[in-house]
Amino acid sequence: MAQKQLQQLNETSARGEYVPAWRYLVVYLRLGDRDQAFAWLAKAVEEPNWFALQMRINPVLDPLRSDPRFEKIVGSLASTEVK
């Protein structure tokens, strides 16, 4: 199912339609590809959206929390919010 979702996201993007980074992030989490999930997490914090505001508490991201990359990426969000 996640592979089909990824294919649909890629098709949508290929048509020139905007696909939020968090949607890719969730698909890669479902696929178990942590490296891609972190790449999309980094992109998601750069986009102005509701998902970025929930990163510290959203249970969808629980599989990533124990990795030091998580705090580094999410911590960068906090420093940009202070400005």
C-alpha atoms as a PDB file:
ATOM      1  CA  MET A   1       0.000   0.000   0.000  1.00  0.00           C
ATOM      2  CA  ALA A   2       2.806   2.427   0.874  1.00  0.00           C
ATOM      3  CA  GLN A   3       4.545   1.668  -2.424  1.00  0.00           C
ATOM      4  CA  LYS A   4       1.322   2.556  -4.269  1.00  0.00           C
ATOM      5  CA  GLN A   5       1.061   5.791  -2.285  1.00  0.00           C
ATOM      6  CA  LEU A   6       4.635   6.658  -3.222  1.00  0.00           C
ATOM      7  CA  GLN A   7       3.853   6.034  -6.874  1.00  0.00           C
ATOM      8  CA  GLN A   8       0.797   8.308  -6.645  1.00  0.00           C
ATOM      9  CA  LEU A   9       2.821  11.071  -4.968  1.00  0.00           C
ATOM     10  CA  ASN A  10       5.480  10.832  -7.667  1.00  0.00           C
ATOM     11  CA  GLU A  11       2.835  10.990 -10.398  1.00  0.00           C
ATOM     12  CA  THR A  12       1.236  14.030  -8.783  1.00  0.00           C
ATOM     13  CA  SER A  13       4.605  15.738  -8.495  1.00  0.00           C
ATOM     14  CA  ALA A  14       5.493  14.830 -12.093  1.00  0.00           C
ATOM     15  CA  ARG A  15       2.337  16.659 -13.238  1.00  0.00           C
ATOM     16  CA  GLY A  16       3.712  19.774 -11.570  1.00  0.00           C
ATOM     17  CA  GLU A  17       1.324  19.682  -8.634  1.00  0.00           C
ATOM     18  CA  TYR A  18       2.588  20.555  -5.176  1.00  0.00           C
ATOM     19  CA  VAL A  19       3.063  17.634  -2.788  1.00  0.00           C
ATOM     20  CA  PRO A  20       3.889  18.563   0.809  1.00  0.00           C
ATOM     21  CA  ALA A  21       7.098  17.021   2.106  1.00  0.00           C
ATOM     22  CA  TRP A  22       5.293  15.515   5.091  1.00  0.00           C
ATOM     23  CA  ARG A  23       3.322  13.252   2.747  1.00  0.00           C
ATOM     24  CA  TYR A  24       6.556  11.742   1.416  1.00  0.00           C
ATOM     25  CA  LEU A  25       7.875  11.506   4.962  1.00  0.00           C
ATOM     26  CA  VAL A  26       4.897   9.430   6.083  1.00  0.00           C
ATOM     27  CA  VAL A  27       5.157   7.106   3.087  1.00  0.00           C
ATOM     28  CA  TYR A  28       8.859   6.481   3.636  1.00  0.00           C
ATOM     29  CA  LEU A  29       8.170   5.757   7.307  1.00  0.00           C
ATOM     30  CA  ARG A  30       5.625   3.151   6.229  1.00  0.00           C
ATOM     31  CA  LEU A  31       8.174   1.668   3.849  1.00  0.00           C
ATOM     32  CA  GLY A  32      10.739   1.499   6.665  1.00  0.00           C
ATOM     33  CA  ASP A  33      13.229   3.689   4.800  1.00  0.00           C
ATOM     34  CA  ARG A  34      14.575   5.814   7.648  1.00  0.00           C
ATOM     35  CA  ASP A  35      17.183   7.613   5.549  1.00  0.00           C
ATOM     36  CA  GLN A  36      14.572   8.846   3.080  1.00  0.00           C
ATOM     37  CA  ALA A  37      12.221   9.659   5.963  1.00  0.00           C
ATOM     38  CA  PHE A  38      14.881  11.877   7.517  1.00  0.00           C
ATOM     39  CA  ALA A  39      15.578  13.543   4.166  1.00  0.00           C
ATOM     40  CA  TRP A  40      11.891  14.415   3.862  1.00  0.00           C
ATOM     41  CA  LEU A  41      11.678  15.432   7.523  1.00  0.00           C
ATOM     42  CA  ALA A  42      14.388  18.006   6.842  1.00  0.00           C
ATOM     43  CA  LYS A  43      12.357  19.317   3.904  1.00  0.00           C
ATOM     44  CA  ALA A  44       9.146  19.330   5.938  1.00  0.00           C
ATOM     45  CA  VAL A  45      10.600  21.681   8.558  1.00  0.00           C
ATOM     46  CA  GLU A  46      11.363  24.170   5.798  1.00  0.00           C
ATOM     47  CA  GLU A  47       7.767  24.279   4.600  1.00  0.00           C
ATOM     48  CA  PRO A  48       5.181  26.440   6.343  1.00  0.00           C
ATOM     49  CA  ASN A  49       2.551  23.893   7.339  1.00  0.00           C
ATOM     50  CA  TRP A  50       0.705  22.421  10.297  1.00  0.00           C
ATOM     51  CA  PHE A  51       2.816  19.266  10.293  1.00  0.00           C
ATOM     52  CA  ALA A  52       5.964  21.166  11.237  1.00  0.00           C
ATOM     53  CA  LEU A  53       4.194  22.524  14.303  1.00  0.00           C
ATOM     54  CA  GLN A  54       3.351  19.004  15.505  1.00  0.00           C
ATOM     55  CA  MET A  55       6.679  17.282  14.977  1.00  0.00           C
ATOM     56  CA  ARG A  56       7.581  17.063  18.649  1.00  0.00           C
ATOM     57  CA  ILE A  57       4.284  15.392  19.601  1.00  0.00           C
ATOM     58  CA  ASN A  58       2.972  13.642  16.486  1.00  0.00           C
ATOM     59  CA  PRO A  59       3.025   9.870  17.153  1.00  0.00           C
ATOM     60  CA  VAL A  60       3.581   9.164  13.448  1.00  0.00           C
ATOM     61  CA  LEU A  61       7.171  10.250  14.002  1.00  0.00           C
ATOM     62  CA  ASP A  62       7.789   7.972  17.003  1.00  0.00           C
ATOM     63  CA  PRO A  63       9.966   5.565  14.959  1.00  0.00           C
ATOM     64  CA  LEU A  64      12.425   8.413  14.320  1.00  0.00           C
ATOM     65  CA  ARG A  65      12.677   9.930  17.798  1.00  0.00           C
ATOM     66  CA  SER A  66      15.514   7.737  19.082  1.00  0.00           C
ATOM     67  CA  ASP A  67      17.792   8.748  16.202  1.00  0.00           C
ATOM     68  CA  PRO A  68      20.000  11.811  16.898  1.00  0.00           C
ATOM     69  CA  ARG A  69      19.074  13.176  13.463  1.00  0.00           C
ATOM     70  CA  PHE A  70      15.522  13.721  14.708  1.00  0.00           C
ATOM     71  CA  GLU A  71      16.463  16.195  17.416  1.00  0.00           C
ATOM     72  CA  LYS A  72      18.934  17.932  15.134  1.00  0.00           C
ATOM     73  CA  ILE A  73      16.272  18.502  12.457  1.00  0.00           C
ATOM     74  CA  VAL A  74      13.419  19.347  14.802  1.00  0.00           C
ATOM     75  CA  GLY A  75      15.741  21.516  16.900  1.00  0.00           C
ATOM     76  CA  SER A  76      16.519  23.552  13.811  1.00  0.00           C
ATOM     77  CA  LEU A  77      12.795  24.295  13.533  1.00  0.00           C
ATOM     78  CA  ALA A  78      12.742  25.730  17.053  1.00  0.00           C
ATOM     79  CA  SER A  79      15.615  28.083  16.292  1.00  0.00           C
ATOM     80  CA  THR A  80      13.838  29.456  13.217  1.00  0.00           C
ATOM     81  CA  GLU A  81      10.582  30.008  15.130  1.00  0.00           C
ATOM     82  CA  VAL A  82      12.294  32.306  17.654  1.00  0.00           C
ATOM     83  CA  LYS A  83      13.271  34.887  15.038  1.00  0.00           C
END
